[in-house]
């Protein structure tokens, strides 16, 4: 599946809009990461525990968004955006969203073949 943050995909035209798709996850901070982050604040530098937490949250939100797009039989998601928000003290939501579409090659070729069935996300 093609995932882009632009409104178009080079070499393709949008043949059909399938609809808005989204994926999200809410993650809580880990006490061990908080202690390490507090120490890092004193000396400066990257908070690697939080970087890993957000990287994993982004991956999970994208996977959930893609699963929704596959259920709509889309072969791409365009105009993908991310949003974060605090849910409670120590927990945040990462939200990914975009527009699921079916594509057709600009050179008059056949549409992109339909994707396989969506994976089970639990």
PDB file of N, CA and C in Angstrom:
ATOM      1  N   UNK A   1       0.849  -1.172   0.000  1.00  0.00           N
ATOM      2  CA  UNK A   1       0.000   0.000   0.000  1.00  0.00           C
ATOM      3  C   UNK A   1       0.895   1.236   0.000  1.00  0.00           C
ATOM      4  N   UNK A   2       0.485   2.217  -0.773  1.00  0.00           N
ATOM      5  CA  UNK A   2       1.228   3.470  -0.859  1.00  0.00           C
ATOM      6  C   UNK A   2       0.682   4.424   0.205  1.00  0.00           C
ATOM      7  N   UNK A   3       1.580   4.989   1.000  1.00  0.00           N
ATOM      8  CA  UNK A   3       1.212   5.950   2.035  1.00  0.00           C
ATOM      9  C   UNK A   3       2.034   7.208   1.781  1.00  0.00           C
ATOM     10  N   UNK A   4       1.364   8.346   1.539  1.00  0.00           N
ATOM     11  CA  UNK A   4       2.077   9.595   1.280  1.00  0.00           C
ATOM     12  C   UNK A   4       1.428  10.754   2.038  1.00  0.00           C
ATOM     13  N   UNK A   5       2.226  11.783   2.295  1.00  0.00           N
ATOM     14  CA  UNK A   5       1.676  12.964   2.956  1.00  0.00           C
ATOM     15  C   UNK A   5       1.361  14.071   1.937  1.00  0.00           C
ATOM     16  N   UNK A   6       1.359  13.714   0.663  1.00  0.00           N
ATOM     17  CA  UNK A   6       1.000  14.643  -0.398  1.00  0.00           C
ATOM     18  C   UNK A   6      -0.411  14.327  -0.892  1.00  0.00           C
ATOM     19  N   UNK A   7      -0.967  15.233  -1.688  1.00  0.00           N
ATOM     20  CA  UNK A   7      -2.327  15.027  -2.195  1.00  0.00           C
ATOM     21  C   UNK A   7      -2.378  14.107  -3.405  1.00  0.00           C
ATOM     22  N   UNK A   8      -1.238  13.851  -4.017  1.00  0.00           N
ATOM     23  CA  UNK A   8      -1.176  13.003  -5.199  1.00  0.00           C
ATOM     24  C   UNK A   8      -0.018  12.015  -5.058  1.00  0.00           C
ATOM     25  N   UNK A   9      -0.032  11.013  -5.928  1.00  0.00           N
ATOM     26  CA  UNK A   9       1.051  10.038  -5.998  1.00  0.00           C
ATOM     27  C   UNK A   9       1.658  10.159  -7.389  1.00  0.00           C
ATOM     28  N   UNK A  10       2.947  10.479  -7.503  1.00  0.00           N
ATOM     29  CA  UNK A  10       3.562  10.631  -8.824  1.00  0.00           C
ATOM     30  C   UNK A  10       3.341   9.402  -9.694  1.00  0.00           C
ATOM     31  N   UNK A  11       2.922   9.640 -10.941  1.00  0.00           N
ATOM     32  CA  UNK A  11       2.696   8.560 -11.890  1.00  0.00           C
ATOM     33  C   UNK A  11       1.298   7.984 -11.851  1.00  0.00           C
ATOM     34  N   UNK A  12       0.464   8.456 -10.927  1.00  0.00           N
ATOM     35  CA  UNK A  12      -0.895   7.940 -10.771  1.00  0.00           C
ATOM     36  C   UNK A  12      -1.890   9.084 -10.692  1.00  0.00           C
ATOM     37  N   UNK A  13      -3.119   8.773 -11.021  1.00  0.00           N
ATOM     38  CA  UNK A  13      -4.215   9.696 -10.756  1.00  0.00           C
ATOM     39  C   UNK A  13      -5.187   8.993  -9.822  1.00  0.00           C
ATOM     40  N   UNK A  14      -5.937   9.778  -9.075  1.00  0.00           N
ATOM     41  CA  UNK A  14      -6.916   9.201  -8.158  1.00  0.00           C
ATOM     42  C   UNK A  14      -8.142   8.809  -8.973  1.00  0.00           C
ATOM     43  N   UNK A  15      -8.432   7.514  -8.989  1.00  0.00           N
ATOM     44  CA  UNK A  15      -9.572   6.997  -9.746  1.00  0.00           C
ATOM     45  C   UNK A  15     -10.841   7.016  -8.906  1.00  0.00           C
ATOM     46  N   UNK A  16     -10.670   6.858  -7.591  1.00  0.00           N
ATOM     47  CA  UNK A  16     -11.842   6.791  -6.719  1.00  0.00           C
ATOM     48  C   UNK A  16     -11.444   7.138  -5.288  1.00  0.00           C
ATOM     49  N   UNK A  17     -12.286   7.928  -4.630  1.00  0.00           N
ATOM     50  CA  UNK A  17     -12.105   8.207  -3.210  1.00  0.00           C
ATOM     51  C   UNK A  17     -12.833   7.125  -2.414  1.00  0.00           C
ATOM     52  N   UNK A  18     -12.147   6.570  -1.429  1.00  0.00           N
ATOM     53  CA  UNK A  18     -12.762   5.542  -0.586  1.00  0.00           C
ATOM     54  C   UNK A  18     -13.223   6.105   0.752  1.00  0.00           C
ATOM     55  N   UNK A  19     -12.604   7.181   1.204  1.00  0.00           N
ATOM     56  CA  UNK A  19     -13.022   7.813   2.446  1.00  0.00           C
ATOM     57  C   UNK A  19     -11.880   8.074   3.407  1.00  0.00           C
ATOM     58  N   UNK A  20     -12.214   8.734   4.487  1.00  0.00           N
ATOM     59  CA  UNK A  20     -11.253   9.043   5.538  1.00  0.00           C
ATOM     60  C   UNK A  20     -10.901   7.767   6.292  1.00  0.00           C
ATOM     61  N   UNK A  21      -9.621   7.586   6.549  1.00  0.00           N
ATOM     62  CA  UNK A  21      -9.166   6.459   7.367  1.00  0.00           C
ATOM     63  C   UNK A  21      -8.304   7.014   8.497  1.00  0.00           C
ATOM     64  N   UNK A  22      -8.287   6.286   9.591  1.00  0.00           N
ATOM     65  CA  UNK A  22      -7.570   6.779  10.760  1.00  0.00           C
ATOM     66  C   UNK A  22      -7.069   5.619  11.597  1.00  0.00           C
ATOM     67  N   UNK A  23      -6.078   5.912  12.376  1.00  0.00           N
ATOM     68  CA  UNK A  23      -5.563   4.949  13.342  1.00  0.00           C
ATOM     69  C   UNK A  23      -5.023   5.725  14.520  1.00  0.00           C
ATOM     70  N   UNK A  24      -5.191   5.187  15.705  1.00  0.00           N
ATOM     71  CA  UNK A  24      -4.663   5.885  16.865  1.00  0.00           C
ATOM     72  C   UNK A  24      -4.193   4.896  17.919  1.00  0.00           C
ATOM     73  N   UNK A  25      -3.432   5.409  18.851  1.00  0.00           N
ATOM     74  CA  UNK A  25      -3.003   4.647  20.008  1.00  0.00           C
ATOM     75  C   UNK A  25      -2.782   5.628  21.148  1.00  0.00           C
ATOM     76  N   UNK A  26      -3.045   5.183  22.333  1.00  0.00           N
ATOM     77  CA  UNK A  26      -2.808   6.000  23.520  1.00  0.00           C
ATOM     78  C   UNK A  26      -1.735   5.292  24.334  1.00  0.00           C
ATOM     79  N   UNK A  27      -0.695   6.015  24.646  1.00  0.00           N
ATOM     80  CA  UNK A  27       0.444   5.439  25.369  1.00  0.00           C
ATOM     81  C   UNK A  27       0.677   6.178  26.672  1.00  0.00           C
ATOM     82  N   UNK A  28       1.009   5.424  27.688  1.00  0.00           N
ATOM     83  CA  UNK A  28       1.344   5.999  28.989  1.00  0.00           C
ATOM     84  C   UNK A  28       2.857   5.950  29.180  1.00  0.00           C
ATOM     85  N   UNK A  29       3.360   6.914  29.902  1.00  0.00           N
ATOM     86  CA  UNK A  29       4.789   6.941  30.209  1.00  0.00           C
ATOM     87  C   UNK A  29       5.121   5.820  31.191  1.00  0.00           C
ATOM     88  N   UNK A  30       6.328   5.368  31.139  1.00  0.00           N
ATOM     89  CA  UNK A  30       6.844   4.313  32.002  1.00  0.00           C
ATOM     90  C   UNK A  30       7.666   4.978  33.109  1.00  0.00           C
ATOM     91  N   UNK A  31       7.499   4.522  34.341  1.00  0.00           N
ATOM     92  CA  UNK A  31       8.195   5.135  35.478  1.00  0.00           C
ATOM     93  C   UNK A  31       9.705   5.147  35.255  1.00  0.00           C
ATOM     94  N   UNK A  32      10.243   4.062  34.749  1.00  0.00           N
ATOM     95  CA  UNK A  32      11.688   3.998  34.480  1.00  0.00           C
ATOM     96  C   UNK A  32      12.119   5.045  33.462  1.00  0.00           C
ATOM     97  N   UNK A  33      11.293   5.250  32.445  1.00  0.00           N
ATOM     98  CA  UNK A  33      11.615   6.269  31.439  1.00  0.00           C
ATOM     99  C   UNK A  33      11.531   7.666  32.040  1.00  0.00           C
ATOM    100  N   UNK A  34      10.565   7.872  32.951  1.00  0.00           N
ATOM    101  CA  UNK A  34      10.434   9.178  33.602  1.00  0.00           C
ATOM    102  C   UNK A  34      11.668   9.505  34.434  1.00  0.00           C
ATOM    103  N   UNK A  35      12.188   8.519  35.157  1.00  0.00           N
ATOM    104  CA  UNK A  35      13.383   8.741  35.976  1.00  0.00           C
ATOM    105  C   UNK A  35      14.565   9.061  35.070  1.00  0.00           C
ATOM    106  N   UNK A  36      14.732   8.280  34.006  1.00  0.00           N
ATOM    107  CA  UNK A  36      15.830   8.530  33.067  1.00  0.00           C
ATOM    108  C   UNK A  36      15.675   9.901  32.414  1.00  0.00           C
ATOM    109  N   UNK A  37      14.449  10.285  32.074  1.00  0.00           N
ATOM    110  CA  UNK A  37      14.209  11.588  31.454  1.00  0.00           C
ATOM    111  C   UNK A  37      14.540  12.712  32.418  1.00  0.00           C
ATOM    112  N   UNK A  38      14.207  12.542  33.687  1.00  0.00           N
ATOM    113  CA  UNK A  38      14.526  13.567  34.679  1.00  0.00           C
ATOM    114  C   UNK A  38      16.028  13.769  34.784  1.00  0.00           C
ATOM    115  N   UNK A  39      16.777  12.685  34.786  1.00  0.00           N
ATOM    116  CA  UNK A  39      18.236  12.784  34.841  1.00  0.00           C
ATOM    117  C   UNK A  39      18.791  13.438  33.576  1.00  0.00           C
ATOM    118  N   UNK A  40      18.211  13.097  32.421  1.00  0.00           N
ATOM    119  CA  UNK A  40      18.662  13.658  31.148  1.00  0.00           C
ATOM    120  C   UNK A  40      18.393  15.165  31.102  1.00  0.00           C
ATOM    121  N   UNK A  41      17.307  15.614  31.737  1.00  0.00           N
ATOM    122  CA  UNK A  41      16.995  17.039  31.770  1.00  0.00           C
ATOM    123  C   UNK A  41      18.090  17.841  32.464  1.00  0.00           C
ATOM    124  N   UNK A  42      18.780  17.206  33.396  1.00  0.00           N
ATOM    125  CA  UNK A  42      19.852  17.884  34.128  1.00  0.00           C
ATOM    126  C   UNK A  42      21.068  18.076  33.233  1.00  0.00           C
ATOM    127  N   UNK A  43      21.439  17.015  32.496  1.00  0.00           N
ATOM    128  CA  UNK A  43      22.663  17.080  31.690  1.00  0.00           C
ATOM    129  C   UNK A  43      22.397  17.389  30.213  1.00  0.00           C
ATOM    130  N   UNK A  44      21.160  17.273  29.775  1.00  0.00           N
ATOM    131  CA  UNK A  44      20.820  17.541  28.378  1.00  0.00           C
ATOM    132  C   UNK A  44      20.987  16.311  27.510  1.00  0.00           C
ATOM    133  N   UNK A  45      20.416  16.354  26.331  1.00  0.00           N
ATOM    134  CA  UNK A  45      20.536  15.252  25.384  1.00  0.00           C
ATOM    135  C   UNK A  45      19.186  14.653  25.025  1.00  0.00           C
ATOM    136  N   UNK A  46      19.223  13.705  24.109  1.00  0.00           N
ATOM    137  CA  UNK A  46      18.000  13.061  23.624  1.00  0.00           C
ATOM    138  C   UNK A  46      17.404  12.165  24.700  1.00  0.00           C
ATOM    139  N   UNK A  47      16.084  12.200  24.789  1.00  0.00           N
ATOM    140  CA  UNK A  47      15.360  11.316  25.702  1.00  0.00           C
ATOM    141  C   UNK A  47      14.993  10.058  24.911  1.00  0.00           C
ATOM    142  N   UNK A  48      15.928   9.122  24.817  1.00  0.00           N
ATOM    143  CA  UNK A  48      15.773   7.966  23.934  1.00  0.00           C
ATOM    144  C   UNK A  48      14.573   7.109  24.288  1.00  0.00           C
ATOM    145  N   UNK A  49      14.245   6.993  25.548  1.00  0.00           N
ATOM    146  CA  UNK A  49      13.074   6.205  25.952  1.00  0.00           C
ATOM    147  C   UNK A  49      11.799   6.777  25.358  1.00  0.00           C
ATOM    148  N   UNK A  50      11.676   8.099  25.369  1.00  0.00           N
ATOM    149  CA  UNK A  50      10.499   8.742  24.797  1.00  0.00           C
ATOM    150  C   UNK A  50      10.517   8.690  23.271  1.00  0.00           C
ATOM    151  N   UNK A  51      11.706   8.790  22.679  1.00  0.00           N
ATOM    152  CA  UNK A  51      11.820   8.662  21.227  1.00  0.00           C
ATOM    153  C   UNK A  51      11.315   7.292  20.790  1.00  0.00           C
ATOM    154  N   UNK A  52      11.735   6.248  21.491  1.00  0.00           N
ATOM    155  CA  UNK A  52      11.287   4.891  21.171  1.00  0.00           C
ATOM    156  C   UNK A  52       9.779   4.747  21.365  1.00  0.00           C
ATOM    157  N   UNK A  53       9.251   5.335  22.442  1.00  0.00           N
ATOM    158  CA  UNK A  53       7.822   5.274  22.726  1.00  0.00           C
ATOM    159  C   UNK A  53       7.011   5.904  21.592  1.00  0.00           C
ATOM    160  N   UNK A  54       7.429   7.080  21.144  1.00  0.00           N
ATOM    161  CA  UNK A  54       6.702   7.762  20.064  1.00  0.00           C
ATOM    162  C   UNK A  54       6.873   7.058  18.722  1.00  0.00           C
ATOM    163  N   UNK A  55       8.043   6.501  18.479  1.00  0.00           N
ATOM    164  CA  UNK A  55       8.263   5.756  17.238  1.00  0.00           C
ATOM    165  C   UNK A  55       7.329   4.550  17.173  1.00  0.00           C
ATOM    166  N   UNK A  56       7.220   3.825  18.262  1.00  0.00           N
ATOM    167  CA  UNK A  56       6.328   2.663  18.321  1.00  0.00           C
ATOM    168  C   UNK A  56       4.870   3.098  18.191  1.00  0.00           C
ATOM    169  N   UNK A  57       4.493   4.195  18.821  1.00  0.00           N
ATOM    170  CA  UNK A  57       3.120   4.695  18.736  1.00  0.00           C
ATOM    171  C   UNK A  57       2.783   5.099  17.301  1.00  0.00           C
ATOM    172  N   UNK A  58       3.711   5.755  16.614  1.00  0.00           N
ATOM    173  CA  UNK A  58       3.488   6.150  15.214  1.00  0.00           C
ATOM    174  C   UNK A  58       3.305   4.923  14.331  1.00  0.00           C
ATOM    175  N   UNK A  59       4.148   3.920  14.526  1.00  0.00           N
ATOM    176  CA  UNK A  59       4.059   2.689  13.736  1.00  0.00           C
ATOM    177  C   UNK A  59       2.702   2.024  13.940  1.00  0.00           C
ATOM    178  N   UNK A  60       2.266   1.934  15.188  1.00  0.00           N
ATOM    179  CA  UNK A  60       0.990   1.281  15.479  1.00  0.00           C
ATOM    180  C   UNK A  60      -0.184   2.065  14.883  1.00  0.00           C
ATOM    181  N   UNK A  61      -0.160   3.387  14.993  1.00  0.00           N
ATOM    182  CA  UNK A  61      -1.237   4.213  14.433  1.00  0.00           C
ATOM    183  C   UNK A  61      -1.296   4.062  12.911  1.00  0.00           C
ATOM    184  N   UNK A  62      -0.137   4.028  12.253  1.00  0.00           N
ATOM    185  CA  UNK A  62      -0.099   3.851  10.791  1.00  0.00           C
ATOM    186  C   UNK A  62      -0.644   2.481  10.412  1.00  0.00           C
ATOM    187  N   UNK A  63      -0.246   1.442  11.143  1.00  0.00           N
ATOM    188  CA  UNK A  63      -0.750   0.092  10.838  1.00  0.00           C
ATOM    189  C   UNK A  63      -2.265   0.034  10.949  1.00  0.00           C
ATOM    190  N   UNK A  64      -2.818   0.667  11.965  1.00  0.00           N
ATOM    191  CA  UNK A  64      -4.277   0.668  12.140  1.00  0.00           C
ATOM    192  C   UNK A  64      -4.963   1.459  11.029  1.00  0.00           C
ATOM    193  N   UNK A  65      -4.356   2.571  10.616  1.00  0.00           N
ATOM    194  CA  UNK A  65      -4.899   3.353   9.508  1.00  0.00           C
ATOM    195  C   UNK A  65      -4.872   2.534   8.213  1.00  0.00           C
ATOM    196  N   UNK A  66      -3.767   1.834   7.971  1.00  0.00           N
ATOM    197  CA  UNK A  66      -3.649   1.006   6.771  1.00  0.00           C
ATOM    198  C   UNK A  66      -4.659  -0.128   6.776  1.00  0.00           C
ATOM    199  N   UNK A  67      -4.900  -0.737   7.927  1.00  0.00           N
ATOM    200  CA  UNK A  67      -5.878  -1.825   8.013  1.00  0.00           C
ATOM    201  C   UNK A  67      -7.264  -1.314   7.638  1.00  0.00           C
ATOM    202  N   UNK A  68      -7.594  -0.112   8.082  1.00  0.00           N
ATOM    203  CA  UNK A  68      -8.886   0.477   7.726  1.00  0.00           C
ATOM    204  C   UNK A  68      -8.957   0.724   6.214  1.00  0.00           C
ATOM    205  N   UNK A  69      -7.865   1.217   5.631  1.00  0.00           N
ATOM    206  CA  UNK A  69      -7.831   1.467   4.186  1.00  0.00           C
ATOM    207  C   UNK A  69      -7.975   0.160   3.413  1.00  0.00           C
ATOM    208  N   UNK A  70      -7.353  -0.904   3.882  1.00  0.00           N
ATOM    209  CA  UNK A  70      -7.467  -2.197   3.207  1.00  0.00           C
ATOM    210  C   UNK A  70      -8.893  -2.723   3.267  1.00  0.00           C
ATOM    211  N   UNK A  71      -9.597  -2.471   4.364  1.00  0.00           N
ATOM    212  CA  UNK A  71     -10.998  -2.891   4.460  1.00  0.00           C
ATOM    213  C   UNK A  71     -11.846  -2.174   3.411  1.00  0.00           C
ATOM    214  N   UNK A  72     -11.444  -0.958   3.025  1.00  0.00           N
ATOM    215  CA  UNK A  72     -12.157  -0.205   1.992  1.00  0.00           C
ATOM    216  C   UNK A  72     -11.661  -0.560   0.588  1.00  0.00           C
ATOM    217  N   UNK A  73     -10.731  -1.511   0.502  1.00  0.00           N
ATOM    218  CA  UNK A  73     -10.137  -1.959  -0.764  1.00  0.00           C
ATOM    219  C   UNK A  73      -9.348  -0.843  -1.447  1.00  0.00           C
ATOM    220  N   UNK A  74      -8.795   0.064  -0.671  1.00  0.00           N
ATOM    221  CA  UNK A  74      -7.963   1.137  -1.211  1.00  0.00           C
ATOM    222  C   UNK A  74      -6.572   0.599  -1.494  1.00  0.00           C
ATOM    223  N   UNK A  75      -5.865   1.264  -2.414  1.00  0.00           N
ATOM    224  CA  UNK A  75      -4.478   0.873  -2.652  1.00  0.00           C
ATOM    225  C   UNK A  75      -3.503   1.972  -2.265  1.00  0.00           C
ATOM    226  N   UNK A  76      -4.024   3.086  -1.721  1.00  0.00           N
ATOM    227  CA  UNK A  76      -3.158   4.153  -1.240  1.00  0.00           C
ATOM    228  C   UNK A  76      -3.901   4.994  -0.214  1.00  0.00           C
ATOM    229  N   UNK A  77      -3.115   5.676   0.618  1.00  0.00           N
ATOM    230  CA  UNK A  77      -3.654   6.687   1.523  1.00  0.00           C
ATOM    231  C   UNK A  77      -2.858   7.949   1.254  1.00  0.00           C
ATOM    232  N   UNK A  78      -3.568   9.006   0.879  1.00  0.00           N
ATOM    233  CA  UNK A  78      -2.914  10.275   0.551  1.00  0.00           C
ATOM    234  C   UNK A  78      -3.203  11.305   1.637  1.00  0.00           C
ATOM    235  N   UNK A  79      -2.386  12.348   1.622  1.00  0.00           N
ATOM    236  CA  UNK A  79      -2.549  13.476   2.540  1.00  0.00           C
ATOM    237  C   UNK A  79      -2.530  13.022   4.010  1.00  0.00           C
ATOM    238  N   UNK A  80      -1.598  12.120   4.332  1.00  0.00           N
ATOM    239  CA  UNK A  80      -1.498  11.569   5.682  1.00  0.00           C
ATOM    240  C   UNK A  80      -0.959  12.626   6.643  1.00  0.00           C
ATOM    241  N   UNK A  81      -1.588  12.707   7.796  1.00  0.00           N
ATOM    242  CA  UNK A  81      -1.201  13.657   8.837  1.00  0.00           C
ATOM    243  C   UNK A  81      -1.144  12.933  10.182  1.00  0.00           C
ATOM    244  N   UNK A  82      -0.408  13.530  11.113  1.00  0.00           N
ATOM    245  CA  UNK A  82      -0.305  13.021  12.476  1.00  0.00           C
ATOM    246  C   UNK A  82      -0.732  14.107  13.446  1.00  0.00           C
ATOM    247  N   UNK A  83      -1.299  13.690  14.550  1.00  0.00           N
ATOM    248  CA  UNK A  83      -1.690  14.620  15.598  1.00  0.00           C
ATOM    249  C   UNK A  83      -1.415  13.946  16.933  1.00  0.00           C
ATOM    250  N   UNK A  84      -1.039  14.734  17.903  1.00  0.00           N
ATOM    251  CA  UNK A  84      -0.862  14.206  19.254  1.00  0.00           C
ATOM    252  C   UNK A  84      -1.657  15.065  20.222  1.00  0.00           C
ATOM    253  N   UNK A  85      -2.080  14.453  21.302  1.00  0.00           N
ATOM    254  CA  UNK A  85      -2.788  15.203  22.336  1.00  0.00           C
ATOM    255  C   UNK A  85      -2.604  14.498  23.676  1.00  0.00           C
ATOM    256  N   UNK A  86      -2.594  15.290  24.733  1.00  0.00           N
ATOM    257  CA  UNK A  86      -2.495  14.741  26.081  1.00  0.00           C
ATOM    258  C   UNK A  86      -3.877  14.241  26.493  1.00  0.00           C
ATOM    259  N   UNK A  87      -3.930  13.042  27.010  1.00  0.00           N
ATOM    260  CA  UNK A  87      -5.190  12.454  27.461  1.00  0.00           C
ATOM    261  C   UNK A  87      -5.336  12.665  28.964  1.00  0.00           C
ATOM    262  N   UNK A  88      -4.312  12.283  29.698  1.00  0.00           N
ATOM    263  CA  UNK A  88      -4.240  12.516  31.142  1.00  0.00           C
ATOM    264  C   UNK A  88      -2.779  12.792  31.452  1.00  0.00           C
ATOM    265  N   UNK A  89      -2.506  13.125  32.697  1.00  0.00           N
ATOM    266  CA  UNK A  89      -1.101  13.311  33.078  1.00  0.00           C
ATOM    267  C   UNK A  89      -0.363  11.994  32.850  1.00  0.00           C
ATOM    268  N   UNK A  90       0.632  12.024  32.022  1.00  0.00           N
ATOM    269  CA  UNK A  90       1.437  10.836  31.770  1.00  0.00           C
ATOM    270  C   UNK A  90       0.967   9.963  30.620  1.00  0.00           C
ATOM    271  N   UNK A  91      -0.109  10.351  29.908  1.00  0.00           N
ATOM    272  CA  UNK A  91      -0.576   9.556  28.770  1.00  0.00           C
ATOM    273  C   UNK A  91      -0.908  10.488  27.600  1.00  0.00           C
ATOM    274  N   UNK A  92      -0.575  10.046  26.411  1.00  0.00           N
ATOM    275  CA  UNK A  92      -0.819  10.849  25.222  1.00  0.00           C
ATOM    276  C   UNK A  92      -1.354   9.971  24.099  1.00  0.00           C
ATOM    277  N   UNK A  93      -2.130  10.585  23.209  1.00  0.00           N
ATOM    278  CA  UNK A  93      -2.661   9.898  22.040  1.00  0.00           C
ATOM    279  C   UNK A  93      -1.871  10.319  20.812  1.00  0.00           C
ATOM    280  N   UNK A  94      -1.540   9.363  19.972  1.00  0.00           N
ATOM    281  CA  UNK A  94      -0.980   9.649  18.664  1.00  0.00           C
ATOM    282  C   UNK A  94      -2.017   9.186  17.647  1.00  0.00           C
ATOM    283  N   UNK A  95      -2.386  10.085  16.752  1.00  0.00           N
ATOM    284  CA  UNK A  95      -3.485   9.870  15.811  1.00  0.00           C
ATOM    285  C   UNK A  95      -2.951  10.080  14.398  1.00  0.00           C
ATOM    286  N   UNK A  96      -3.157   9.119  13.514  1.00  0.00           N
ATOM    287  CA  UNK A  96      -2.767   9.222  12.113  1.00  0.00           C
ATOM    288  C   UNK A  96      -4.031   9.164  11.270  1.00  0.00           C
ATOM    289  N   UNK A  97      -4.114  10.035  10.250  1.00  0.00           N
ATOM    290  CA  UNK A  97      -5.304  10.030   9.406  1.00  0.00           C
ATOM    291  C   UNK A  97      -4.940  10.471   7.994  1.00  0.00           C
ATOM    292  N   UNK A  98      -5.781  10.077   7.046  1.00  0.00           N
ATOM    293  CA  UNK A  98      -5.581  10.434   5.654  1.00  0.00           C
ATOM    294  C   UNK A  98      -6.795  10.009   4.840  1.00  0.00           C
ATOM    295  N   UNK A  99      -6.678  10.156   3.524  1.00  0.00           N
ATOM    296  CA  UNK A  99      -7.765   9.810   2.620  1.00  0.00           C
ATOM    297  C   UNK A  99      -7.395   8.548   1.846  1.00  0.00           C
ATOM    298  N   UNK A 100      -8.212   7.517   1.988  1.00  0.00           N
ATOM    299  CA  UNK A 100      -7.999   6.266   1.255  1.00  0.00           C
ATOM    300  C   UNK A 100      -8.507   6.442  -0.169  1.00  0.00           C
ATOM    301  N   UNK A 101      -7.700   5.994  -1.139  1.00  0.00           N
ATOM    302  CA  UNK A 101      -8.050   6.157  -2.553  1.00  0.00           C
ATOM    303  C   UNK A 101      -7.685   4.905  -3.339  1.00  0.00           C
ATOM    304  N   UNK A 102      -8.294   4.803  -4.515  1.00  0.00           N
ATOM    305  CA  UNK A 102      -7.873   3.820  -5.512  1.00  0.00           C
ATOM    306  C   UNK A 102      -7.188   4.613  -6.618  1.00  0.00           C
ATOM    307  N   UNK A 103      -6.091   4.063  -7.105  1.00  0.00           N
ATOM    308  CA  UNK A 103      -5.275   4.772  -8.088  1.00  0.00           C
ATOM    309  C   UNK A 103      -5.353   4.134  -9.466  1.00  0.00           C
ATOM    310  N   UNK A 104      -5.014   4.937 -10.481  1.00  0.00           N
ATOM    311  CA  UNK A 104      -4.881   4.458 -11.854  1.00  0.00           C
ATOM    312  C   UNK A 104      -3.618   5.122 -12.411  1.00  0.00           C
ATOM    313  N   UNK A 105      -2.835   4.345 -13.138  1.00  0.00           N
ATOM    314  CA  UNK A 105      -1.628   4.901 -13.742  1.00  0.00           C
ATOM    315  C   UNK A 105      -1.999   6.008 -14.724  1.00  0.00           C
ATOM    316  N   UNK A 106      -1.200   7.066 -14.741  1.00  0.00           N
ATOM    317  CA  UNK A 106      -1.473   8.197 -15.626  1.00  0.00           C
ATOM    318  C   UNK A 106      -1.313   7.807 -17.096  1.00  0.00           C
ATOM    319  N   UNK A 107      -0.407   6.895 -17.396  1.00  0.00           N
ATOM    320  CA  UNK A 107      -0.156   6.515 -18.790  1.00  0.00           C
ATOM    321  C   UNK A 107      -1.282   5.674 -19.390  1.00  0.00           C
ATOM    322  N   UNK A 108      -2.418   5.602 -18.700  1.00  0.00           N
ATOM    323  CA  UNK A 108      -3.559   4.851 -19.221  1.00  0.00           C
ATOM    324  C   UNK A 108      -3.539   3.386 -18.859  1.00  0.00           C
ATOM    325  N   UNK A 109      -2.597   3.003 -18.027  1.00  0.00           N
ATOM    326  CA  UNK A 109      -2.502   1.608 -17.608  1.00  0.00           C
ATOM    327  C   UNK A 109      -3.659   1.203 -16.712  1.00  0.00           C
ATOM    328  N   UNK A 110      -3.622  -0.009 -16.320  1.00  0.00           N
ATOM    329  CA  UNK A 110      -4.654  -0.573 -15.463  1.00  0.00           C
ATOM    330  C   UNK A 110      -4.565   0.014 -14.052  1.00  0.00           C
ATOM    331  N   UNK A 111      -5.673  -0.027 -13.329  1.00  0.00           N
ATOM    332  CA  UNK A 111      -5.615   0.397 -11.924  1.00  0.00           C
ATOM    333  C   UNK A 111      -4.641  -0.467 -11.138  1.00  0.00           C
ATOM    334  N   UNK A 112      -4.213   0.038 -10.017  1.00  0.00           N
ATOM    335  CA  UNK A 112      -3.356  -0.734  -9.130  1.00  0.00           C
ATOM    336  C   UNK A 112      -4.154  -1.933  -8.652  1.00  0.00           C
ATOM    337  N   UNK A 113      -3.575  -3.146  -8.652  1.00  0.00           N
ATOM    338  CA  UNK A 113      -4.324  -4.317  -8.196  1.00  0.00           C
ATOM    339  C   UNK A 113      -4.808  -4.133  -6.759  1.00  0.00           C
ATOM    340  N   UNK A 114      -5.964  -4.704  -6.417  1.00  0.00           N
ATOM    341  CA  UNK A 114      -6.460  -4.552  -5.043  1.00  0.00           C
ATOM    342  C   UNK A 114      -5.505  -5.180  -4.047  1.00  0.00           C
ATOM    343  N   UNK A 115      -5.437  -4.606  -2.852  1.00  0.00           N
ATOM    344  CA  UNK A 115      -4.530  -5.151  -1.837  1.00  0.00           C
ATOM    345  C   UNK A 115      -5.058  -6.458  -1.276  1.00  0.00           C
ATOM    346  N   UNK A 116      -4.193  -7.209  -0.584  1.00  0.00           N
ATOM    347  CA  UNK A 116      -4.654  -8.447   0.071  1.00  0.00           C
ATOM    348  C   UNK A 116      -5.588  -8.090   1.226  1.00  0.00           C
ATOM    349  N   UNK A 117      -6.265  -9.079   1.770  1.00  0.00           N
ATOM    350  CA  UNK A 117      -7.163  -8.827   2.909  1.00  0.00           C
ATOM    351  C   UNK A 117      -6.410  -8.165   4.054  1.00  0.00           C
ATOM    352  N   UNK A 118      -7.092  -7.339   4.853  1.00  0.00           N
ATOM    353  CA  UNK A 118      -6.415  -6.620   5.935  1.00  0.00           C
ATOM    354  C   UNK A 118      -5.923  -7.554   7.025  1.00  0.00           C
ATOM    355  N   UNK A 119      -4.795  -7.189   7.675  1.00  0.00           N
ATOM    356  CA  UNK A 119      -4.317  -7.997   8.798  1.00  0.00           C
ATOM    357  C   UNK A 119      -5.233  -7.789   9.999  1.00  0.00           C
ATOM    358  N   UNK A 120      -5.236  -8.756  10.859  1.00  0.00           N
ATOM    359  CA  UNK A 120      -6.015  -8.643  12.090  1.00  0.00           C
ATOM    360  C   UNK A 120      -5.225  -7.807  13.084  1.00  0.00           C
ATOM    361  N   UNK A 121      -5.760  -6.636  13.458  1.00  0.00           N
ATOM    362  CA  UNK A 121      -5.114  -5.770  14.436  1.00  0.00           C
ATOM    363  C   UNK A 121      -5.870  -5.892  15.738  1.00  0.00           C
ATOM    364  N   UNK A 122      -5.177  -6.182  16.800  1.00  0.00           N
ATOM    365  CA  UNK A 122      -5.872  -6.393  18.059  1.00  0.00           C
ATOM    366  C   UNK A 122      -5.373  -5.586  19.147  1.00  0.00           C
TER     367      UNK A 122
END
